[in-house]
Every structure is written in C-alpha cells, then in structure tokens.
C-alpha cells in the first residue's frame, strides 16, 4: 500500500474517532441534563448535599447498567468487550 493511502486511512480513522468522541460528549451532556431534571422533579428544587449525592449515585448506577448491556451486545456480535470478567475461563 502506498504511503499516501495509509496516511489517508489514518486521517479518516482519526476523524471518525474525534467525531465519535464529540457526539458521545454531546449525548452525555444531554443525559446529564435529563437526569438532573428528573432528580429535581423527584426531590424538589433542593440542591443540597443529599440531592447531589443521590444524583451521583443514580448516574453511576445508570452508567454501569449501560456499560454491562453494551458489553453483552458486543460479545454477541463477536466484538471485544471493554469489560471482561476475570473469573470466566
């Protein structure tokens, strides 16, 4: 393969990676706002310490569940999962 074709592939792969990261950030911020709004609706407008920790715990639980679902989906299609279990073997 010529050097210019390899460079073009590298540039395109970098652009895809950057675009994916940017879109992921936009989605994360949108979910952040959605979860904050839901917490305000459930807990009221209070932004005290309890509300902040409740939000952090809820966001962590959601993130873990989403990552586990994505890992299972990746394993079903034959991809490498970002999370693997050490006990499996």
C-alpha atoms as a PDB file:
ATOM      1  CA  UNK A   1       0.000   0.000   0.000  1.00  0.00           C
ATOM      2  CA  UNK A   2       1.346   3.423  -0.804  1.00  0.00           C
ATOM      3  CA  UNK A   3       2.251   5.884   1.899  1.00  0.00           C
ATOM      4  CA  UNK A   4      -0.413   8.401   0.804  1.00  0.00           C
ATOM      5  CA  UNK A   5      -3.184   5.777   1.038  1.00  0.00           C
ATOM      6  CA  UNK A   6      -2.014   4.801   4.526  1.00  0.00           C
ATOM      7  CA  UNK A   7      -1.939   8.466   5.572  1.00  0.00           C
ATOM      8  CA  UNK A   8      -5.439   8.995   4.164  1.00  0.00           C
ATOM      9  CA  UNK A   9      -6.730   5.993   6.113  1.00  0.00           C
ATOM     10  CA  UNK A  10      -5.088   7.278   9.291  1.00  0.00           C
ATOM     11  CA  UNK A  11      -6.635  10.718   8.806  1.00  0.00           C
ATOM     12  CA  UNK A  12     -10.102   9.257   8.186  1.00  0.00           C
ATOM     13  CA  UNK A  13      -9.790   6.965  11.217  1.00  0.00           C
ATOM     14  CA  UNK A  14      -8.743   9.930  13.346  1.00  0.00           C
ATOM     15  CA  UNK A  15     -11.684  11.979  12.093  1.00  0.00           C
ATOM     16  CA  UNK A  16     -14.095   9.142  12.902  1.00  0.00           C
ATOM     17  CA  UNK A  17     -12.594   8.774  16.380  1.00  0.00           C
ATOM     18  CA  UNK A  18     -12.831  12.509  17.079  1.00  0.00           C
ATOM     19  CA  UNK A  19     -16.388  12.748  15.724  1.00  0.00           C
ATOM     20  CA  UNK A  20     -17.427   9.742  17.821  1.00  0.00           C
ATOM     21  CA  UNK A  21     -15.927  11.276  20.945  1.00  0.00           C
ATOM     22  CA  UNK A  22     -17.605  14.626  20.260  1.00  0.00           C
ATOM     23  CA  UNK A  23     -21.001  13.007  19.681  1.00  0.00           C
ATOM     24  CA  UNK A  24     -20.529  10.908  22.815  1.00  0.00           C
ATOM     25  CA  UNK A  25     -19.871  14.062  24.813  1.00  0.00           C
ATOM     26  CA  UNK A  26     -23.000  15.718  23.426  1.00  0.00           C
ATOM     27  CA  UNK A  27     -25.059  12.642  24.359  1.00  0.00           C
ATOM     28  CA  UNK A  28     -23.509  12.517  27.826  1.00  0.00           C
ATOM     29  CA  UNK A  29     -24.345  16.168  28.442  1.00  0.00           C
ATOM     30  CA  UNK A  30     -27.912  15.625  27.222  1.00  0.00           C
ATOM     31  CA  UNK A  31     -28.346  12.666  29.586  1.00  0.00           C
ATOM     32  CA  UNK A  32     -26.772  14.709  32.368  1.00  0.00           C
ATOM     33  CA  UNK A  33     -29.416  17.404  31.917  1.00  0.00           C
ATOM     34  CA  UNK A  34     -32.200  14.816  31.673  1.00  0.00           C
ATOM     35  CA  UNK A  35     -31.150  13.048  34.865  1.00  0.00           C
ATOM     36  CA  UNK A  36     -30.722  16.360  36.715  1.00  0.00           C
ATOM     37  CA  UNK A  37     -34.215  17.428  35.640  1.00  0.00           C
ATOM     38  CA  UNK A  38     -35.668  14.101  36.752  1.00  0.00           C
ATOM     39  CA  UNK A  39     -33.938  14.400  40.118  1.00  0.00           C
ATOM     40  CA  UNK A  40     -35.283  17.926  40.586  1.00  0.00           C
ATOM     41  CA  UNK A  41     -38.769  16.684  39.762  1.00  0.00           C
ATOM     42  CA  UNK A  42     -38.448  13.806  42.232  1.00  0.00           C
ATOM     43  CA  UNK A  43     -36.579  15.558  45.035  1.00  0.00           C
ATOM     44  CA  UNK A  44     -37.686  19.133  44.517  1.00  0.00           C
ATOM     45  CA  UNK A  45     -35.505  22.131  43.774  1.00  0.00           C
ATOM     46  CA  UNK A  46     -33.224  21.488  46.748  1.00  0.00           C
ATOM     47  CA  UNK A  47     -29.603  21.200  45.591  1.00  0.00           C
ATOM     48  CA  UNK A  48     -28.226  20.250  48.954  1.00  0.00           C
ATOM     49  CA  UNK A  49     -25.643  17.611  49.701  1.00  0.00           C
ATOM     50  CA  UNK A  50     -28.178  14.769  49.783  1.00  0.00           C
ATOM     51  CA  UNK A  51     -29.547  15.701  46.354  1.00  0.00           C
ATOM     52  CA  UNK A  52     -26.058  15.924  44.840  1.00  0.00           C
ATOM     53  CA  UNK A  53     -25.044  12.525  46.215  1.00  0.00           C
ATOM     54  CA  UNK A  54     -28.349  10.970  45.147  1.00  0.00           C
ATOM     55  CA  UNK A  55     -27.753  12.285  41.634  1.00  0.00           C
ATOM     56  CA  UNK A  56     -24.167  10.958  41.609  1.00  0.00           C
ATOM     57  CA  UNK A  57     -25.250   7.507  42.791  1.00  0.00           C
ATOM     58  CA  UNK A  58     -28.084   7.353  40.250  1.00  0.00           C
ATOM     59  CA  UNK A  59     -25.781   8.450  37.419  1.00  0.00           C
ATOM     60  CA  UNK A  60     -23.230   5.802  38.427  1.00  0.00           C
ATOM     61  CA  UNK A  61     -25.841   3.041  38.501  1.00  0.00           C
ATOM     62  CA  UNK A  62     -27.146   4.058  35.074  1.00  0.00           C
ATOM     63  CA  UNK A  63     -23.598   4.151  33.659  1.00  0.00           C
ATOM     64  CA  UNK A  64     -22.777   0.683  34.994  1.00  0.00           C
ATOM     65  CA  UNK A  65     -26.002  -0.813  33.637  1.00  0.00           C
ATOM     66  CA  UNK A  66     -25.474   0.764  30.204  1.00  0.00           C
ATOM     67  CA  UNK A  67     -21.857  -0.469  30.069  1.00  0.00           C
ATOM     68  CA  UNK A  68     -22.887  -4.010  31.006  1.00  0.00           C
ATOM     69  CA  UNK A  69     -25.620  -4.041  28.350  1.00  0.00           C
ATOM     70  CA  UNK A  70     -23.185  -2.747  25.730  1.00  0.00           C
ATOM     71  CA  UNK A  71     -20.574  -5.334  26.760  1.00  0.00           C
ATOM     72  CA  UNK A  72     -23.115  -8.142  26.328  1.00  0.00           C
ATOM     73  CA  UNK A  73     -24.204  -6.756  22.955  1.00  0.00           C
ATOM     74  CA  UNK A  74     -20.585  -6.511  21.841  1.00  0.00           C
ATOM     75  CA  UNK A  75     -19.933 -10.100  22.908  1.00  0.00           C
ATOM     76  CA  UNK A  76     -22.997 -11.305  20.960  1.00  0.00           C
ATOM     77  CA  UNK A  77     -21.740  -9.778  17.725  1.00  0.00           C
ATOM     78  CA  UNK A  78     -18.248 -11.106  18.285  1.00  0.00           C
ATOM     79  CA  UNK A  79     -16.545  -7.899  19.338  1.00  0.00           C
ATOM     80  CA  UNK A  80     -14.192  -7.295  22.201  1.00  0.00           C
ATOM     81  CA  UNK A  81     -15.978  -6.092  25.310  1.00  0.00           C
ATOM     82  CA  UNK A  82     -14.477  -3.200  27.228  1.00  0.00           C
ATOM     83  CA  UNK A  83     -15.409  -5.011  30.449  1.00  0.00           C
ATOM     84  CA  UNK A  84     -14.387  -8.638  30.868  1.00  0.00           C
ATOM     85  CA  UNK A  85     -14.800 -10.928  33.802  1.00  0.00           C
ATOM     86  CA  UNK A  86     -11.662 -12.400  35.285  1.00  0.00           C
ATOM     87  CA  UNK A  87     -13.500 -15.396  36.740  1.00  0.00           C
ATOM     88  CA  UNK A  88     -14.649 -16.661  33.342  1.00  0.00           C
ATOM     89  CA  UNK A  89     -12.424 -19.162  31.749  1.00  0.00           C
END
